[in-house]
Amino acid sequence: MPMPTQPTPMPLRRDFTDHGSCVEDLARAFAAQDPATSEALIETLATQAIRQWRLDDATFWQRVKFQARMIRAQMGSSGKY
């Protein structure tokens, strides 16, 4: 009798679509806040995710931080976003 084959594990998703388009929405909200306060909060959220081995979530928060910085830079150069 042949041995049953083990299913091949699915590769981890790298596009983070499980977080949807909320990166932009959250980034706008964080960009409207005090930069030091919002960056500290994002760092706390990313650190908590890393400690819990939720690397997709940690990457998500890093994306939010980067996008918020981009929005702030655009707001600074044009006066508004």
C-alpha atoms as a PDB file:
ATOM      1  CA  MET A   1       0.000   0.000   0.000  1.00  0.00           C
ATOM      2  CA  PRO A   2       1.552   3.384  -1.028  1.00  0.00           C
ATOM      3  CA  MET A   3       2.175   6.051   1.599  1.00  0.00           C
ATOM      4  CA  PRO A   4      -0.119   9.062   1.394  1.00  0.00           C
ATOM      5  CA  THR A   5       1.669  12.101   0.108  1.00  0.00           C
ATOM      6  CA  GLN A   6       2.018  15.081   2.358  1.00  0.00           C
ATOM      7  CA  PRO A   7       0.413  18.268   1.086  1.00  0.00           C
ATOM      8  CA  THR A   8       2.849  20.906  -0.055  1.00  0.00           C
ATOM      9  CA  PRO A   9       2.681  23.934   2.239  1.00  0.00           C
ATOM     10  CA  MET A  10       1.465  27.111   0.617  1.00  0.00           C
ATOM     11  CA  PRO A  11       4.104  29.814   0.306  1.00  0.00           C
ATOM     12  CA  LEU A  12       3.682  32.813   2.581  1.00  0.00           C
ATOM     13  CA  ARG A  13       1.925  35.722   0.981  1.00  0.00           C
ATOM     14  CA  ARG A  14       4.214  38.655   0.358  1.00  0.00           C
ATOM     15  CA  ASP A  15       1.764  41.203  -1.008  1.00  0.00           C
ATOM     16  CA  PHE A  16       0.047  41.808   2.371  1.00  0.00           C
ATOM     17  CA  THR A  17      -3.356  42.078   0.664  1.00  0.00           C
ATOM     18  CA  ASP A  18      -4.916  40.783   3.849  1.00  0.00           C
ATOM     19  CA  HIS A  19      -4.481  44.311   5.205  1.00  0.00           C
ATOM     20  CA  GLY A  20      -6.269  45.802   2.223  1.00  0.00           C
ATOM     21  CA  SER A  21      -5.963  49.407   1.257  1.00  0.00           C
ATOM     22  CA  CYS A  22      -6.002  50.621   4.858  1.00  0.00           C
ATOM     23  CA  VAL A  23      -2.256  51.404   4.692  1.00  0.00           C
ATOM     24  CA  GLU A  24      -3.039  54.678   2.935  1.00  0.00           C
ATOM     25  CA  ASP A  25      -5.945  55.505   5.266  1.00  0.00           C
ATOM     26  CA  LEU A  26      -3.920  54.860   8.405  1.00  0.00           C
ATOM     27  CA  ALA A  27      -0.917  56.698   6.994  1.00  0.00           C
ATOM     28  CA  ARG A  28      -3.068  59.784   6.387  1.00  0.00           C
ATOM     29  CA  ALA A  29      -4.372  59.628   9.961  1.00  0.00           C
ATOM     30  CA  PHE A  30      -0.856  59.271  11.396  1.00  0.00           C
ATOM     31  CA  ALA A  31       0.496  62.013   9.106  1.00  0.00           C
ATOM     32  CA  ALA A  32      -2.084  64.424  10.526  1.00  0.00           C
ATOM     33  CA  GLN A  33      -0.764  63.836  14.056  1.00  0.00           C
ATOM     34  CA  ASP A  34       2.382  65.065  15.733  1.00  0.00           C
ATOM     35  CA  PRO A  35       5.249  63.309  13.914  1.00  0.00           C
ATOM     36  CA  ALA A  36       7.130  62.203  17.039  1.00  0.00           C
ATOM     37  CA  THR A  37       4.005  60.876  18.746  1.00  0.00           C
ATOM     38  CA  SER A  38       2.716  59.017  15.694  1.00  0.00           C
ATOM     39  CA  GLU A  39       6.115  57.485  14.903  1.00  0.00           C
ATOM     40  CA  ALA A  40       6.471  56.304  18.508  1.00  0.00           C
ATOM     41  CA  LEU A  41       3.042  54.679  18.378  1.00  0.00           C
ATOM     42  CA  ILE A  42       3.805  52.951  15.076  1.00  0.00           C
ATOM     43  CA  GLU A  43       7.129  51.694  16.473  1.00  0.00           C
ATOM     44  CA  THR A  44       5.291  50.298  19.495  1.00  0.00           C
ATOM     45  CA  LEU A  45       2.784  48.495  17.270  1.00  0.00           C
ATOM     46  CA  ALA A  46       5.538  47.086  15.047  1.00  0.00           C
ATOM     47  CA  THR A  47       7.568  45.964  18.062  1.00  0.00           C
ATOM     48  CA  GLN A  48       4.575  44.198  19.584  1.00  0.00           C
ATOM     49  CA  ALA A  49       3.923  42.414  16.293  1.00  0.00           C
ATOM     50  CA  ILE A  50       7.554  41.286  16.080  1.00  0.00           C
ATOM     51  CA  ARG A  51       7.485  39.982  19.652  1.00  0.00           C
ATOM     52  CA  GLN A  52       4.403  37.935  18.757  1.00  0.00           C
ATOM     53  CA  TRP A  53       6.019  36.661  15.536  1.00  0.00           C
ATOM     54  CA  ARG A  54       3.395  38.439  13.408  1.00  0.00           C
ATOM     55  CA  LEU A  55       5.878  39.552  10.788  1.00  0.00           C
ATOM     56  CA  ASP A  56       3.248  40.497   8.212  1.00  0.00           C
ATOM     57  CA  ASP A  57       1.736  42.866  10.770  1.00  0.00           C
ATOM     58  CA  ALA A  58       5.149  44.309  11.611  1.00  0.00           C
ATOM     59  CA  THR A  59       5.790  44.910   7.923  1.00  0.00           C
ATOM     60  CA  PHE A  60       2.359  46.484   7.597  1.00  0.00           C
ATOM     61  CA  TRP A  61       3.161  49.002  10.349  1.00  0.00           C
ATOM     62  CA  GLN A  62       6.496  49.799   8.722  1.00  0.00           C
ATOM     63  CA  ARG A  63       4.625  50.473   5.469  1.00  0.00           C
ATOM     64  CA  VAL A  64       2.229  52.777   7.338  1.00  0.00           C
ATOM     65  CA  LYS A  65       5.183  54.655   8.860  1.00  0.00           C
ATOM     66  CA  PHE A  66       6.882  55.069   5.478  1.00  0.00           C
ATOM     67  CA  GLN A  67       3.669  56.226   3.808  1.00  0.00           C
ATOM     68  CA  ALA A  68       2.960  58.707   6.626  1.00  0.00           C
ATOM     69  CA  ARG A  69       6.445  60.157   6.174  1.00  0.00           C
ATOM     70  CA  MET A  70       5.823  60.503   2.446  1.00  0.00           C
ATOM     71  CA  ILE A  71       2.508  62.268   3.079  1.00  0.00           C
ATOM     72  CA  ARG A  72       4.136  64.645   5.586  1.00  0.00           C
ATOM     73  CA  ALA A  73       6.866  65.440   3.054  1.00  0.00           C
ATOM     74  CA  GLN A  74       4.264  66.192   0.405  1.00  0.00           C
ATOM     75  CA  MET A  75       2.268  68.320   2.840  1.00  0.00           C
ATOM     76  CA  GLY A  76       5.421  70.238   3.716  1.00  0.00           C
ATOM     77  CA  SER A  77       6.308  70.963   0.118  1.00  0.00           C
ATOM     78  CA  SER A  78       2.840  71.882  -1.084  1.00  0.00           C
ATOM     79  CA  GLY A  79       1.225  73.093   2.119  1.00  0.00           C
ATOM     80  CA  LYS A  80      -1.526  70.476   1.952  1.00  0.00           C
ATOM     81  CA  TYR A  81      -2.223  66.943   0.781  1.00  0.00           C
END
